[in-house]
Protein backbone atom coordinates (compact mmCIF):
# COMPACT_ATOMS: atom_id res chain seq x y z
CA MET A 1 16.88 8.11 29.51
CA GLY A 2 16.82 11.85 29.83
CA SER A 3 13.60 13.63 30.70
CA TRP A 4 11.51 15.22 27.96
CA SER A 5 10.49 18.86 27.86
CA SER A 6 6.76 19.52 27.80
CA ASP A 7 6.96 20.10 24.04
CA ASP A 8 8.56 16.67 23.57
CA ARG A 9 5.82 14.64 25.26
CA PRO A 10 3.81 13.34 22.29
CA ARG A 11 0.99 11.80 24.32
CA GLU A 12 0.32 15.03 26.18
CA LYS A 13 0.61 17.02 22.96
CA MET A 14 -2.01 14.78 21.29
CA MET A 15 -4.40 15.36 24.18
CA ARG A 16 -3.89 19.12 24.02
CA GLN A 17 -3.79 19.70 20.26
CA GLY A 18 -5.15 16.60 18.56
CA LYS A 19 -3.46 13.82 16.61
CA GLN A 20 -3.29 15.83 13.37
CA HIS A 21 -0.73 18.18 14.94
CA LEU A 22 1.80 15.46 15.72
CA SER A 23 4.72 14.64 13.46
CA GLU A 24 5.38 11.10 12.24
CA ALA A 25 8.16 10.79 14.82
CA GLU A 26 5.83 11.88 17.63
CA LEU A 27 3.15 9.41 16.56
CA MET A 28 5.72 6.61 16.43
CA ALA A 29 7.02 7.59 19.88
CA ILE A 30 3.53 7.10 21.32
CA ILE A 31 3.45 3.63 19.77
CA LEU A 32 6.83 2.71 21.29
CA GLY A 33 5.97 4.13 24.69
CA SER A 34 9.59 4.29 25.82
CA GLY A 35 13.01 4.65 24.30
CA THR A 36 16.29 2.80 24.75
CA PRO A 37 19.08 3.41 27.30
CA GLY A 38 20.42 6.89 26.58
CA GLU A 39 17.84 7.78 23.92
CA THR A 40 14.22 8.89 24.29
CA ALA A 41 11.48 7.29 22.22
CA LEU A 42 11.10 10.52 20.25
CA ALA A 43 14.81 10.76 19.45
CA LEU A 44 14.90 7.11 18.41
CA CYS A 45 11.91 7.54 16.13
CA GLN A 46 13.39 10.65 14.56
CA ARG A 47 16.57 8.71 13.84
CA ILE A 48 14.67 5.78 12.32
CA LEU A 49 12.67 8.10 10.08
CA ASN A 50 15.80 10.02 9.02
CA ASP A 51 17.41 6.74 8.00
CA HIS A 52 14.41 6.05 5.75
CA GLN A 53 14.20 9.56 4.23
CA HIS A 54 11.00 10.13 6.25
CA ARG A 55 9.16 7.73 3.92
CA LEU A 56 6.83 5.42 5.78
CA THR A 57 6.57 3.17 2.72
CA GLU A 58 10.30 2.49 2.92
CA LEU A 59 10.11 1.77 6.63
CA GLY A 60 7.18 -0.55 6.03
CA LYS A 61 9.35 -2.75 3.82
CA LYS A 62 11.61 -3.67 6.73
CA SER A 63 11.29 -6.80 8.81
CA VAL A 64 11.36 -7.06 12.59
CA ILE A 65 14.78 -8.68 12.41
CA GLU A 66 16.19 -5.90 10.23
CA LEU A 67 15.03 -3.20 12.64
CA VAL A 68 16.32 -5.03 15.70
CA GLN A 69 19.70 -5.58 14.09
CA THR A 70 20.00 -1.97 12.90
CA TYR A 71 18.93 -0.10 16.05
CA LYS A 72 20.70 -1.09 19.23
CA GLY A 73 18.32 -1.45 22.14
CA LEU A 74 15.23 -1.72 19.94
CA GLY A 75 13.79 -5.08 20.84
CA ALA A 76 11.48 -7.32 18.87
CA ALA A 77 8.43 -6.07 20.78
CA LYS A 78 9.00 -2.41 19.86
CA ALA A 79 9.95 -3.23 16.28
CA SER A 80 6.79 -5.32 15.95
CA ARG A 81 4.67 -2.41 17.20
CA ILE A 82 6.10 -0.10 14.53
CA LEU A 83 5.52 -2.54 11.67
CA ALA A 84 2.10 -3.61 12.93
CA THR A 85 0.96 0.02 12.99
CA LEU A 86 2.22 0.64 9.46
CA GLU A 87 0.42 -2.50 8.27
CA LEU A 88 -2.83 -1.32 9.89
CA GLY A 89 -2.47 1.97 8.02
CA ARG A 90 -2.00 0.10 4.76
CA ARG A 91 -5.06 -2.07 5.38
CA ARG A 92 -7.13 0.98 6.27
CA ARG A 93 -6.88 1.95 2.63
CA GLU A 94 -9.09 -1.02 1.79
CA GLU A 95 -11.99 0.91 3.31
CA VAL A 96 -11.53 3.91 1.01
CA PRO A 97 -14.26 2.89 -1.50
CA ALA A 98 -16.81 4.02 1.09
CA ARG A 99 -15.78 7.56 0.11
CA ARG A 100 -17.07 6.95 -3.44
CA VAL A 101 -13.78 7.21 -5.29
CA VAL A 102 -14.13 7.90 -9.03
CA ILE A 103 -11.52 6.60 -11.47
CA LYS A 104 -11.04 8.77 -14.56
CA SER A 105 -7.41 8.11 -15.48
CA SER A 106 -4.44 5.87 -14.86
CA ALA A 107 -3.17 8.45 -12.37
CA ASP A 108 -6.39 8.12 -10.36
CA SER A 109 -5.94 4.35 -10.24
CA TYR A 110 -2.30 4.66 -9.23
CA HIS A 111 -2.89 7.13 -6.40
CA PHE A 112 -5.69 4.92 -5.10
CA LEU A 113 -3.78 1.62 -5.28
CA GLN A 114 -0.20 2.64 -4.54
CA PRO A 115 -0.65 2.89 -0.73
CA LEU A 116 -1.98 -0.67 -0.76
CA MET A 117 0.67 -2.25 -2.94
CA GLY A 118 3.64 0.02 -3.47
CA ASP A 119 5.72 -1.03 -0.48
CA LEU A 120 4.96 -4.76 -0.41
CA PRO A 121 7.95 -7.15 -0.56
CA TYR A 122 5.88 -9.64 -2.59
CA GLU A 123 3.51 -9.38 -5.55
CA GLU A 124 -0.25 -8.95 -5.21
CA PHE A 125 -2.94 -8.71 -7.87
CA TRP A 126 -5.92 -6.40 -7.24
CA VAL A 127 -9.09 -5.59 -9.13
CA LEU A 128 -11.18 -2.41 -8.85
CA LEU A 129 -14.83 -2.94 -9.77
CA LEU A 130 -16.47 0.14 -11.28
CA ASN A 131 -19.95 1.20 -12.35
CA ASN A 132 -20.82 3.18 -15.49
CA ALA A 133 -19.78 6.43 -13.81
CA GLY A 134 -16.33 5.08 -12.95
CA THR A 135 -17.10 4.90 -9.23
CA VAL A 136 -15.30 2.20 -7.27
CA MET A 137 -17.99 -0.10 -5.90
CA HIS A 138 -15.69 -2.80 -4.58
CA MET A 139 -12.05 -3.82 -4.57
CA GLU A 140 -10.52 -7.23 -4.07
CA CYS A 141 -7.11 -8.86 -3.81
CA ILE A 142 -7.27 -11.75 -6.27
CA GLY A 143 -3.88 -13.24 -5.56
CA ARG A 144 -0.71 -13.02 -3.46
CA GLY A 145 2.57 -14.43 -4.68
CA SER A 146 6.31 -14.28 -4.31
CA ILE A 147 8.80 -11.47 -4.84
CA GLN A 148 8.84 -12.25 -8.58
CA SER A 149 5.38 -13.49 -9.55
CA VAL A 150 1.73 -13.91 -8.62
CA SER A 151 -0.76 -16.43 -9.96
CA VAL A 152 -4.05 -14.98 -11.23
CA ASP A 153 -7.27 -16.92 -11.87
CA VAL A 154 -9.09 -15.03 -14.64
CA ARG A 155 -12.33 -16.80 -13.75
CA ARG A 156 -12.19 -15.36 -10.24
CA VAL A 157 -11.77 -11.83 -11.61
CA ILE A 158 -14.79 -12.23 -13.89
CA LYS A 159 -16.89 -13.81 -11.12
CA SER A 160 -16.13 -10.91 -8.79
CA ALA A 161 -17.17 -8.41 -11.47
CA LEU A 162 -20.42 -10.28 -12.12
CA ASP A 163 -21.19 -10.66 -8.41
CA HIS A 164 -20.95 -6.88 -7.95
CA LEU A 165 -22.73 -6.02 -11.22
CA SER A 166 -19.66 -4.16 -12.41
CA THR A 167 -19.52 -2.81 -15.96
CA ALA A 168 -15.81 -1.98 -15.96
CA ILE A 169 -12.70 -3.04 -14.08
CA VAL A 170 -9.16 -1.87 -13.47
CA VAL A 171 -6.61 -4.52 -12.56
CA SER A 172 -3.20 -4.00 -11.07
CA HIS A 173 -0.20 -5.79 -9.65
CA ASN A 174 3.02 -4.60 -8.08
CA HIS A 175 6.66 -5.24 -8.92
CA PRO A 176 8.72 -5.18 -5.68
CA SER A 177 11.90 -4.91 -7.77
CA GLY A 178 10.81 -1.49 -9.06
CA GLN A 179 11.11 -2.71 -12.66
CA LEU A 180 7.96 -1.51 -14.42
CA SER A 181 8.30 -3.08 -17.87
CA PRO A 182 5.59 -5.73 -18.37
CA SER A 183 6.69 -9.32 -18.77
CA GLN A 184 5.37 -11.56 -21.52
CA GLU A 185 3.17 -13.20 -18.88
CA ASP A 186 1.77 -9.77 -17.91
CA ILE A 187 0.93 -9.09 -21.55
CA ARG A 188 -0.64 -12.53 -22.03
CA LEU A 189 -2.73 -12.21 -18.87
CA THR A 190 -4.00 -8.77 -19.90
CA LYS A 191 -5.09 -10.06 -23.31
CA THR A 192 -6.78 -13.16 -21.84
CA LEU A 193 -8.59 -11.12 -19.20
CA SER A 194 -9.79 -8.52 -21.72
CA GLU A 195 -11.16 -11.20 -24.05
CA ALA A 196 -12.92 -13.02 -21.21
CA ALA A 197 -14.45 -9.82 -19.82
CA ARG A 198 -15.70 -8.78 -23.25
CA LEU A 199 -17.88 -11.90 -23.40
CA PHE A 200 -19.83 -10.51 -20.43
CA GLN A 201 -19.85 -6.91 -21.69
CA ILE A 202 -17.36 -5.87 -19.04
CA ARG A 203 -14.63 -3.41 -20.03
CA VAL A 204 -11.07 -3.77 -18.81
CA LEU A 205 -10.12 -0.10 -18.58
CA ASP A 206 -6.52 -0.56 -17.52
CA HIS A 207 -3.86 -2.84 -16.11
CA LEU A 208 -1.34 -1.06 -13.91
CA ILE A 209 2.08 -2.28 -12.81
CA ILE A 210 2.95 -0.40 -9.62
CA SER A 211 6.16 0.27 -7.70
CA ASP A 212 6.64 2.46 -4.65
CA ASN A 213 6.99 5.67 -6.67
CA ALA A 214 5.92 5.04 -10.28
CA TYR A 215 3.64 2.97 -12.48
CA TYR A 216 3.14 1.49 -15.95
CA SER A 217 -0.30 1.74 -17.59
CA PHE A 218 -1.33 -0.66 -20.34
CA ALA A 219 -4.05 1.78 -21.38
CA ASP A 220 -1.68 4.75 -21.62
CA GLN A 221 0.68 2.66 -23.72
CA GLY A 222 -2.12 1.63 -26.13
CA MET A 223 -1.90 -2.04 -25.11
CA LEU A 224 -5.63 -2.50 -24.38
């Protein structure tokens, strides 16, 4: 490996200027620690990000095996570090309700949920539990499934809302395929959930289908 100039030493740069001044490639280089024969960690990370259009969500969809096979000299240990860090960032979003997020539109719901679900290779079903002011009091993953479907227990959704004294909920699931049109099962589930929630004076404000860069809103489409 060639030596780095002082400007290309991410760890030292973080200590001097702070983490917010580092690029994605520099942050990834710190995670890797070292590069491969003939290529510095920074150069390797820049190449990986270029190959994924500098979109961390796209990189997060890869597996360890895919990265190892694509980038010569990148072993399983380094590939695992990259993906583990991206997964930690995704999970960090689960702590966001502490900032008192307020949901006023389908766009608010999408921007809140997309980082959690948009890049997953399998389906998940989430519920946001809101108070009368639309503030997110709690969020919960109700189910995890396959690349094509996820099983949802309506009773569990209602129980979670009652346990947290929620007056309104927003539910959402992702489509890894990127196809946003609701299936007949999606439509049936939304109707069943709305009817069940109404018995307990809980409003289902929306059901979102999310991909990595777009969404479908049942509320916006007049289907609630």
